[in-house]
């Protein structure tokens, strides 16, 4: 069992930066792939960035070059550094942890709002 708690969301202007953090409790965090998804009202939850247990990363095309995902297995945390934010980045951002045979765990979400 893994519990995830996000923090760091807020209201910023276009062009500014934000850093989201996700703190995980539970065992064997280092064995999970972890990542961030985002969702706007009426739409599906979409992948933003993912980092494997081995440190390989994957990004949505819309955030490549602007967002950076990282993990600290010693602290059981995963972060998302978001630069050059645009209004289209406005969404609720969810932290997730995934492992074979257990599927996904999700956080409660944190709102990011980018004003133009």
N, C-alpha and C. Protein backbone atom coordinates (compact mmCIF):
# COMPACT_ATOMS: atom_id res chain seq x y z
N UNK A 1 0.85 -1.19 0.00
CA UNK A 1 0.00 0.00 0.00
C UNK A 1 0.89 1.24 0.00
N UNK A 2 0.52 2.21 -0.86
CA UNK A 2 1.26 3.47 -0.95
C UNK A 2 0.27 4.61 -0.83
N UNK A 3 0.55 5.56 0.03
CA UNK A 3 -0.25 6.79 0.12
C UNK A 3 0.57 7.93 -0.46
N UNK A 4 -0.11 8.76 -1.25
CA UNK A 4 0.55 9.85 -1.96
C UNK A 4 -0.10 11.17 -1.61
N UNK A 5 0.71 12.18 -1.30
CA UNK A 5 0.19 13.50 -0.96
C UNK A 5 0.93 14.54 -1.78
N UNK A 6 0.17 15.25 -2.62
CA UNK A 6 0.76 16.29 -3.45
C UNK A 6 0.76 17.64 -2.74
N UNK A 7 1.67 18.49 -3.16
CA UNK A 7 1.71 19.87 -2.67
C UNK A 7 2.39 20.74 -3.73
N UNK A 8 2.21 22.04 -3.60
CA UNK A 8 2.92 22.97 -4.46
C UNK A 8 2.10 23.62 -5.55
N UNK A 9 0.84 23.25 -5.68
CA UNK A 9 0.02 23.89 -6.68
C UNK A 9 -0.29 25.33 -6.32
N UNK A 10 -0.90 26.04 -7.25
CA UNK A 10 -1.26 27.42 -6.97
C UNK A 10 -1.60 28.18 -8.22
N UNK A 11 -1.69 29.49 -8.07
CA UNK A 11 -2.02 30.40 -9.17
C UNK A 11 -0.77 31.16 -9.57
N UNK A 12 -0.41 31.08 -10.84
CA UNK A 12 0.74 31.81 -11.35
C UNK A 12 0.37 32.47 -12.67
N UNK A 13 1.22 33.37 -13.12
CA UNK A 13 1.03 34.01 -14.41
C UNK A 13 1.79 33.23 -15.49
N UNK A 14 1.35 33.39 -16.70
CA UNK A 14 2.03 32.74 -17.82
C UNK A 14 3.50 33.14 -17.84
N UNK A 15 4.34 32.14 -18.10
CA UNK A 15 5.78 32.36 -18.12
C UNK A 15 6.48 32.06 -16.82
N UNK A 16 5.71 31.95 -15.76
CA UNK A 16 6.31 31.68 -14.45
C UNK A 16 6.50 30.17 -14.24
N UNK A 17 7.06 29.85 -13.08
CA UNK A 17 7.39 28.46 -12.78
C UNK A 17 6.71 28.01 -11.50
N UNK A 18 6.53 26.71 -11.38
CA UNK A 18 6.01 26.08 -10.17
C UNK A 18 6.72 24.75 -9.99
N UNK A 19 6.80 24.35 -8.73
CA UNK A 19 7.35 23.04 -8.42
C UNK A 19 6.32 22.25 -7.62
N UNK A 20 5.89 21.14 -8.18
CA UNK A 20 4.99 20.23 -7.47
C UNK A 20 5.80 19.14 -6.78
N UNK A 21 5.35 18.78 -5.60
CA UNK A 21 6.00 17.69 -4.87
C UNK A 21 4.96 16.64 -4.48
N UNK A 22 5.42 15.42 -4.39
CA UNK A 22 4.56 14.32 -3.98
C UNK A 22 5.32 13.48 -2.97
N UNK A 23 4.76 13.38 -1.78
CA UNK A 23 5.38 12.58 -0.73
C UNK A 23 4.66 11.25 -0.62
N UNK A 24 5.43 10.19 -0.60
CA UNK A 24 4.86 8.84 -0.56
C UNK A 24 5.16 8.18 0.77
N UNK A 25 4.17 7.49 1.29
CA UNK A 25 4.38 6.67 2.47
C UNK A 25 4.11 5.23 2.09
N UNK A 26 4.74 4.31 2.78
CA UNK A 26 4.62 2.91 2.43
C UNK A 26 5.97 2.34 2.09
N UNK A 27 5.97 1.09 1.77
CA UNK A 27 7.23 0.39 1.56
C UNK A 27 7.59 0.28 0.08
N UNK A 28 8.86 0.15 -0.15
CA UNK A 28 9.37 -0.19 -1.47
C UNK A 28 9.06 0.87 -2.52
N UNK A 29 9.10 2.14 -2.11
CA UNK A 29 8.84 3.24 -3.05
C UNK A 29 9.79 3.15 -4.23
N UNK A 30 11.02 2.75 -3.98
CA UNK A 30 12.03 2.72 -5.04
C UNK A 30 11.69 1.71 -6.13
N UNK A 31 10.78 0.80 -5.87
CA UNK A 31 10.41 -0.20 -6.86
C UNK A 31 9.27 0.26 -7.76
N UNK A 32 8.65 1.37 -7.43
CA UNK A 32 7.52 1.87 -8.20
C UNK A 32 7.97 2.85 -9.28
N UNK A 33 7.32 2.78 -10.42
CA UNK A 33 7.37 3.89 -11.36
C UNK A 33 6.43 4.97 -10.82
N UNK A 34 6.83 6.22 -10.92
CA UNK A 34 6.02 7.31 -10.39
C UNK A 34 5.88 8.40 -11.44
N UNK A 35 4.82 9.15 -11.33
CA UNK A 35 4.62 10.17 -12.33
C UNK A 35 3.52 11.14 -11.98
N UNK A 36 3.23 12.00 -12.94
CA UNK A 36 2.19 13.03 -12.81
C UNK A 36 1.25 12.97 -13.99
N UNK A 37 -0.03 13.06 -13.67
CA UNK A 37 -1.08 13.21 -14.66
C UNK A 37 -1.79 14.52 -14.37
N UNK A 38 -2.55 14.99 -15.33
CA UNK A 38 -3.37 16.17 -15.11
C UNK A 38 -4.73 16.00 -15.76
N UNK A 39 -5.69 16.74 -15.21
CA UNK A 39 -7.06 16.61 -15.67
C UNK A 39 -7.77 17.94 -15.57
N UNK A 40 -8.53 18.26 -16.62
CA UNK A 40 -9.40 19.43 -16.62
C UNK A 40 -10.85 18.94 -16.64
N UNK A 41 -11.78 19.79 -16.22
CA UNK A 41 -13.18 19.36 -16.12
C UNK A 41 -13.71 18.79 -17.43
N UNK A 42 -14.33 17.63 -17.35
CA UNK A 42 -14.95 17.02 -18.50
C UNK A 42 -14.00 16.27 -19.41
N UNK A 43 -12.74 16.23 -19.06
CA UNK A 43 -11.76 15.55 -19.91
C UNK A 43 -11.09 14.41 -19.14
N UNK A 44 -10.45 13.54 -19.90
CA UNK A 44 -9.77 12.41 -19.26
C UNK A 44 -8.48 12.88 -18.60
N UNK A 45 -7.98 12.03 -17.73
CA UNK A 45 -6.73 12.31 -17.05
C UNK A 45 -5.58 11.92 -17.99
N UNK A 46 -4.70 12.85 -18.26
CA UNK A 46 -3.64 12.64 -19.23
C UNK A 46 -2.27 12.61 -18.56
N UNK A 47 -1.39 11.79 -19.12
CA UNK A 47 -0.03 11.71 -18.62
C UNK A 47 0.71 13.02 -18.87
N UNK A 48 1.43 13.48 -17.87
CA UNK A 48 2.31 14.64 -18.01
C UNK A 48 3.77 14.18 -18.07
N UNK A 49 4.17 13.40 -17.08
CA UNK A 49 5.56 12.93 -17.01
C UNK A 49 5.61 11.70 -16.13
N UNK A 50 6.59 10.84 -16.42
CA UNK A 50 6.72 9.57 -15.72
C UNK A 50 8.19 9.27 -15.54
N UNK A 51 8.54 8.66 -14.42
CA UNK A 51 9.92 8.24 -14.21
C UNK A 51 9.90 6.83 -13.65
N UNK A 52 10.67 5.97 -14.28
CA UNK A 52 10.67 4.56 -13.89
C UNK A 52 11.48 4.34 -12.62
N UNK A 53 11.40 3.14 -12.10
CA UNK A 53 12.20 2.81 -10.93
C UNK A 53 13.70 2.92 -11.24
N UNK A 54 14.05 2.75 -12.51
CA UNK A 54 15.44 2.87 -12.92
C UNK A 54 15.87 4.27 -13.31
N UNK A 55 14.91 5.22 -13.28
CA UNK A 55 15.26 6.61 -13.57
C UNK A 55 15.00 7.06 -15.00
N UNK A 56 14.43 6.19 -15.82
CA UNK A 56 14.08 6.60 -17.18
C UNK A 56 12.84 7.49 -17.14
N UNK A 57 12.85 8.54 -17.96
CA UNK A 57 11.75 9.49 -17.94
C UNK A 57 11.00 9.50 -19.27
N UNK A 58 9.76 9.93 -19.18
CA UNK A 58 8.91 10.06 -20.36
C UNK A 58 8.02 11.28 -20.14
N UNK A 59 7.84 12.08 -21.18
CA UNK A 59 7.07 13.32 -21.07
C UNK A 59 6.03 13.40 -22.17
N UNK A 60 4.92 14.03 -21.86
CA UNK A 60 3.96 14.39 -22.90
C UNK A 60 4.62 15.41 -23.82
N UNK A 61 4.28 15.34 -25.10
CA UNK A 61 4.88 16.26 -26.06
C UNK A 61 4.65 17.72 -25.67
N UNK A 62 3.50 17.99 -25.09
CA UNK A 62 3.13 19.37 -24.78
C UNK A 62 4.00 19.99 -23.67
N UNK A 63 4.71 19.16 -22.91
CA UNK A 63 5.51 19.71 -21.81
C UNK A 63 7.01 19.48 -21.99
N UNK A 64 7.38 18.77 -23.03
CA UNK A 64 8.81 18.51 -23.25
C UNK A 64 9.59 19.82 -23.36
N UNK A 65 10.72 19.86 -22.66
CA UNK A 65 11.54 21.06 -22.67
C UNK A 65 11.12 22.10 -21.65
N UNK A 66 9.95 21.94 -21.05
CA UNK A 66 9.48 22.90 -20.05
C UNK A 66 9.39 22.27 -18.66
N UNK A 67 9.02 20.99 -18.60
CA UNK A 67 8.82 20.30 -17.33
C UNK A 67 9.93 19.29 -17.11
N UNK A 68 10.29 19.09 -15.86
CA UNK A 68 11.28 18.09 -15.49
C UNK A 68 10.79 17.30 -14.29
N UNK A 69 10.79 15.99 -14.42
CA UNK A 69 10.40 15.13 -13.31
C UNK A 69 11.65 14.54 -12.67
N UNK A 70 11.59 14.40 -11.36
CA UNK A 70 12.72 13.80 -10.65
C UNK A 70 12.19 13.05 -9.44
N UNK A 71 12.99 12.15 -8.92
CA UNK A 71 12.59 11.39 -7.74
C UNK A 71 13.76 11.29 -6.77
N UNK A 72 13.41 11.20 -5.50
CA UNK A 72 14.40 11.01 -4.45
C UNK A 72 13.96 9.81 -3.64
N UNK A 73 14.53 8.67 -3.92
CA UNK A 73 14.09 7.45 -3.26
C UNK A 73 14.43 7.44 -1.77
N UNK A 74 15.46 8.16 -1.39
CA UNK A 74 15.82 8.23 0.03
C UNK A 74 14.76 8.97 0.83
N UNK A 75 14.08 9.93 0.17
CA UNK A 75 13.05 10.72 0.85
C UNK A 75 11.64 10.31 0.45
N UNK A 76 11.52 9.33 -0.44
CA UNK A 76 10.20 8.89 -0.92
C UNK A 76 9.42 10.05 -1.53
N UNK A 77 10.07 10.81 -2.39
CA UNK A 77 9.39 11.93 -3.01
C UNK A 77 9.61 11.93 -4.52
N UNK A 78 8.66 12.52 -5.20
CA UNK A 78 8.78 12.77 -6.63
C UNK A 78 8.36 14.21 -6.88
N UNK A 79 9.11 14.91 -7.72
CA UNK A 79 8.86 16.32 -7.97
C UNK A 79 8.64 16.58 -9.45
N UNK A 80 7.93 17.64 -9.72
CA UNK A 80 7.71 18.08 -11.10
C UNK A 80 8.03 19.57 -11.14
N UNK A 81 9.12 19.90 -11.82
CA UNK A 81 9.50 21.29 -12.01
C UNK A 81 8.87 21.77 -13.31
N UNK A 82 8.05 22.80 -13.22
CA UNK A 82 7.31 23.30 -14.37
C UNK A 82 7.76 24.72 -14.68
N UNK A 83 8.37 24.90 -15.83
CA UNK A 83 8.83 26.21 -16.27
C UNK A 83 8.01 26.69 -17.46
N UNK A 84 8.10 27.99 -17.70
CA UNK A 84 7.42 28.60 -18.86
C UNK A 84 5.97 28.14 -18.95
N UNK A 85 5.27 28.27 -17.84
CA UNK A 85 3.89 27.81 -17.80
C UNK A 85 3.01 28.63 -18.72
N UNK A 86 2.04 27.96 -19.30
CA UNK A 86 1.07 28.58 -20.21
C UNK A 86 -0.33 28.27 -19.68
N UNK A 87 -1.33 29.06 -20.08
CA UNK A 87 -2.69 28.83 -19.58
C UNK A 87 -3.19 27.41 -19.84
N UNK A 88 -2.72 26.78 -20.92
CA UNK A 88 -3.15 25.42 -21.22
C UNK A 88 -2.63 24.39 -20.22
N UNK A 89 -1.72 24.79 -19.36
CA UNK A 89 -1.24 23.89 -18.31
C UNK A 89 -2.18 23.88 -17.10
N UNK A 90 -3.17 24.73 -17.10
CA UNK A 90 -4.13 24.78 -16.00
C UNK A 90 -4.88 23.46 -15.90
N UNK A 91 -4.83 22.86 -14.71
CA UNK A 91 -5.45 21.56 -14.49
C UNK A 91 -5.25 21.16 -13.03
N UNK A 92 -5.92 20.08 -12.66
CA UNK A 92 -5.60 19.41 -11.40
C UNK A 92 -4.52 18.38 -11.72
N UNK A 93 -3.44 18.43 -10.97
CA UNK A 93 -2.31 17.54 -11.19
C UNK A 93 -2.32 16.44 -10.13
N UNK A 94 -2.20 15.21 -10.61
CA UNK A 94 -2.25 14.04 -9.73
C UNK A 94 -0.93 13.30 -9.77
N UNK A 95 -0.46 12.94 -8.61
CA UNK A 95 0.71 12.08 -8.49
C UNK A 95 0.24 10.63 -8.52
N UNK A 96 1.03 9.78 -9.15
CA UNK A 96 0.68 8.37 -9.21
C UNK A 96 1.93 7.51 -9.01
N UNK A 97 1.72 6.35 -8.46
CA UNK A 97 2.77 5.35 -8.33
C UNK A 97 2.23 4.04 -8.89
N UNK A 98 3.06 3.35 -9.65
CA UNK A 98 2.61 2.14 -10.34
C UNK A 98 3.65 1.05 -10.19
N UNK A 99 3.16 -0.17 -10.01
CA UNK A 99 4.03 -1.34 -10.02
C UNK A 99 3.25 -2.51 -10.59
N UNK A 100 3.94 -3.45 -11.23
CA UNK A 100 3.25 -4.63 -11.76
C UNK A 100 2.52 -5.37 -10.65
N UNK A 101 1.40 -5.86 -10.96
CA UNK A 101 0.56 -6.68 -10.08
C UNK A 101 -0.18 -5.86 -9.03
N UNK A 102 0.16 -4.59 -8.82
CA UNK A 102 -0.60 -3.77 -7.87
C UNK A 102 -1.32 -2.62 -8.56
N UNK A 103 -0.88 -2.28 -9.77
CA UNK A 103 -1.55 -1.21 -10.48
C UNK A 103 -1.17 0.17 -9.97
N UNK A 104 -2.08 1.14 -10.09
CA UNK A 104 -1.81 2.53 -9.76
C UNK A 104 -2.34 2.91 -8.38
N UNK A 105 -1.54 3.70 -7.68
CA UNK A 105 -2.01 4.46 -6.53
C UNK A 105 -2.05 5.93 -6.96
N UNK A 106 -3.01 6.67 -6.38
CA UNK A 106 -3.19 8.07 -6.77
C UNK A 106 -3.23 8.96 -5.55
N UNK A 107 -2.70 10.19 -5.72
CA UNK A 107 -2.90 11.21 -4.72
C UNK A 107 -4.23 11.90 -4.91
N UNK A 108 -4.49 12.90 -4.06
CA UNK A 108 -5.79 13.58 -4.10
C UNK A 108 -5.83 14.70 -5.12
N UNK A 109 -4.67 15.09 -5.63
CA UNK A 109 -4.62 16.12 -6.65
C UNK A 109 -4.31 17.49 -6.08
N UNK A 110 -3.68 18.32 -6.91
CA UNK A 110 -3.39 19.71 -6.53
C UNK A 110 -3.67 20.60 -7.74
N UNK A 111 -4.33 21.71 -7.50
CA UNK A 111 -4.75 22.60 -8.58
C UNK A 111 -3.61 23.50 -9.01
N UNK A 112 -3.41 23.56 -10.31
CA UNK A 112 -2.48 24.52 -10.91
C UNK A 112 -3.28 25.40 -11.85
N UNK A 113 -3.21 26.70 -11.66
CA UNK A 113 -3.90 27.65 -12.50
C UNK A 113 -2.90 28.65 -13.05
N UNK A 114 -2.89 28.78 -14.37
CA UNK A 114 -1.97 29.70 -15.04
C UNK A 114 -2.81 30.78 -15.71
N UNK A 115 -2.62 32.00 -15.31
CA UNK A 115 -3.38 33.10 -15.89
C UNK A 115 -2.59 33.74 -17.03
N UNK A 116 -3.32 34.25 -17.99
CA UNK A 116 -2.66 34.86 -19.16
C UNK A 116 -2.39 36.33 -18.93
